C-alpha atoms as a PDB file:
ATOM      1  CA  MET A   1      40.918   3.702  15.460  1.00  0.00           C
ATOM      2  CA  LYS A   2      38.493   4.819  18.132  1.00  0.00           C
ATOM      3  CA  THR A   3      38.175   8.341  19.504  1.00  0.00           C
ATOM      4  CA  PRO A   4      40.252   7.820  22.684  1.00  0.00           C
ATOM      5  CA  GLU A   5      43.102   6.358  20.621  1.00  0.00           C
ATOM      6  CA  LEU A   6      42.920   9.244  18.183  1.00  0.00           C
ATOM      7  CA  LEU A   7      42.923  11.780  20.998  1.00  0.00           C
ATOM      8  CA  ASP A   8      45.954  10.122  22.598  1.00  0.00           C
ATOM      9  CA  ARG A   9      47.787  10.235  19.270  1.00  0.00           C
ATOM     10  CA  ILE A  10      46.911  13.895  18.688  1.00  0.00           C
ATOM     11  CA  ALA A  11      47.971  14.830  22.225  1.00  0.00           C
ATOM     12  CA  SER A  12      51.257  12.956  22.043  1.00  0.00           C
ATOM     13  CA  SER A  13      52.205  14.219  18.585  1.00  0.00           C
ATOM     14  CA  THR A  14      51.390  17.861  19.342  1.00  0.00           C
ATOM     15  CA  GLY A  15      52.417  17.939  22.994  1.00  0.00           C
ATOM     16  CA  CYS A  16      49.068  19.383  24.025  1.00  0.00           C
ATOM     17  CA  PRO A  17      46.885  18.132  26.889  1.00  0.00           C
ATOM     18  CA  PRO A  18      44.200  15.531  26.013  1.00  0.00           C
ATOM     19  CA  ALA A  19      41.433  18.089  26.657  1.00  0.00           C
ATOM     20  CA  VAL A  20      42.920  20.414  24.043  1.00  0.00           C
ATOM     21  CA  ALA A  21      43.260  17.492  21.616  1.00  0.00           C
ATOM     22  CA  ALA A  22      39.571  16.702  22.179  1.00  0.00           C
ATOM     23  CA  ASP A  23      38.645  20.313  21.400  1.00  0.00           C
ATOM     24  CA  GLN A  24      40.769  20.258  18.237  1.00  0.00           C
ATOM     25  CA  LEU A  25      39.158  17.048  17.036  1.00  0.00           C
ATOM     26  CA  ASP A  26      35.682  18.397  17.786  1.00  0.00           C
ATOM     27  CA  GLN A  27      36.413  21.580  15.808  1.00  0.00           C
ATOM     28  CA  LEU A  28      37.754  19.544  12.890  1.00  0.00           C
ATOM     29  CA  VAL A  29      34.684  17.303  12.715  1.00  0.00           C
ATOM     30  CA  THR A  30      32.322  20.270  13.125  1.00  0.00           C
ATOM     31  CA  ASN A  31      34.009  22.140  10.265  1.00  0.00           C
ATOM     32  CA  LEU A  32      34.045  19.083   8.001  1.00  0.00           C
ATOM     33  CA  VAL A  33      30.351  18.400   8.560  1.00  0.00           C
ATOM     34  CA  ALA A  34      29.445  22.068   8.038  1.00  0.00           C
ATOM     35  CA  LYS A  35      31.332  22.174   4.749  1.00  0.00           C
ATOM     36  CA  LEU A  36      29.692  18.966   3.537  1.00  0.00           C
ATOM     37  CA  ARG A  37      26.240  20.290   4.486  1.00  0.00           C
ATOM     38  CA  ARG A  38      26.930  23.351   2.323  1.00  0.00           C
ATOM     39  CA  GLY A  39      27.547  20.984  -0.586  1.00  0.00           C
ATOM     40  CA  LYS A  40      31.317  21.463  -0.647  1.00  0.00           C
ATOM     41  CA  ARG A  41      33.836  18.664  -0.930  1.00  0.00           C
ATOM     42  CA  VAL A  42      36.519  18.119   1.691  1.00  0.00           C
ATOM     43  CA  ILE A  43      40.037  17.151   0.641  1.00  0.00           C
ATOM     44  CA  ILE A  44      42.159  15.452   3.292  1.00  0.00           C
ATOM     45  CA  PRO A  45      45.757  15.017   2.089  1.00  0.00           C
ATOM     46  CA  GLY A  46      46.919  11.432   2.379  1.00  0.00           C
ATOM     47  CA  LEU A  47      43.373  10.198   2.916  1.00  0.00           C
ATOM     48  CA  GLY A  48      41.250  11.337  -0.003  1.00  0.00           C
ATOM     49  CA  THR A  49      38.277  13.451  -0.917  1.00  0.00           C
ATOM     50  CA  ILE A  50      34.914  13.358   0.825  1.00  0.00           C
ATOM     51  CA  ARG A  51      32.002  14.546  -1.262  1.00  0.00           C
ATOM     52  CA  PRO A  52      28.530  15.351   0.038  1.00  0.00           C
ATOM     53  CA  ALA A  53      25.976  12.652  -0.632  1.00  0.00           C
ATOM     54  CA  LYS A  54      23.143  13.427  -3.011  1.00  0.00           C
ATOM     55  CA  VAL A  55      20.039  12.565  -1.031  1.00  0.00           C
ATOM     56  CA  GLU A  56      16.641  12.698  -2.673  1.00  0.00           C
ATOM     57  CA  PRO A  57      13.980  14.477  -0.604  1.00  0.00           C
ATOM     58  CA  LYS A  58      11.244  12.248   0.780  1.00  0.00           C
END
C-alpha cells in the first residue's frame, strides 16, 4: 500500500479530512522512528514488533 492509499483509508475510516490524516500518519512515523533511534522496540498490534537494528560503527 502506498502513502496516498493509506491516507485515503485513514481519512475514510476516521471521518477526518485527508490533510488531518496526513498529519496523523506523519506523527506516527516520526514517533516510531524516534523510539527506534532511542533503542526501544515498537509493538504494533496485529502487525508485529519492530526492533532497532544493531549497526556497527564504521
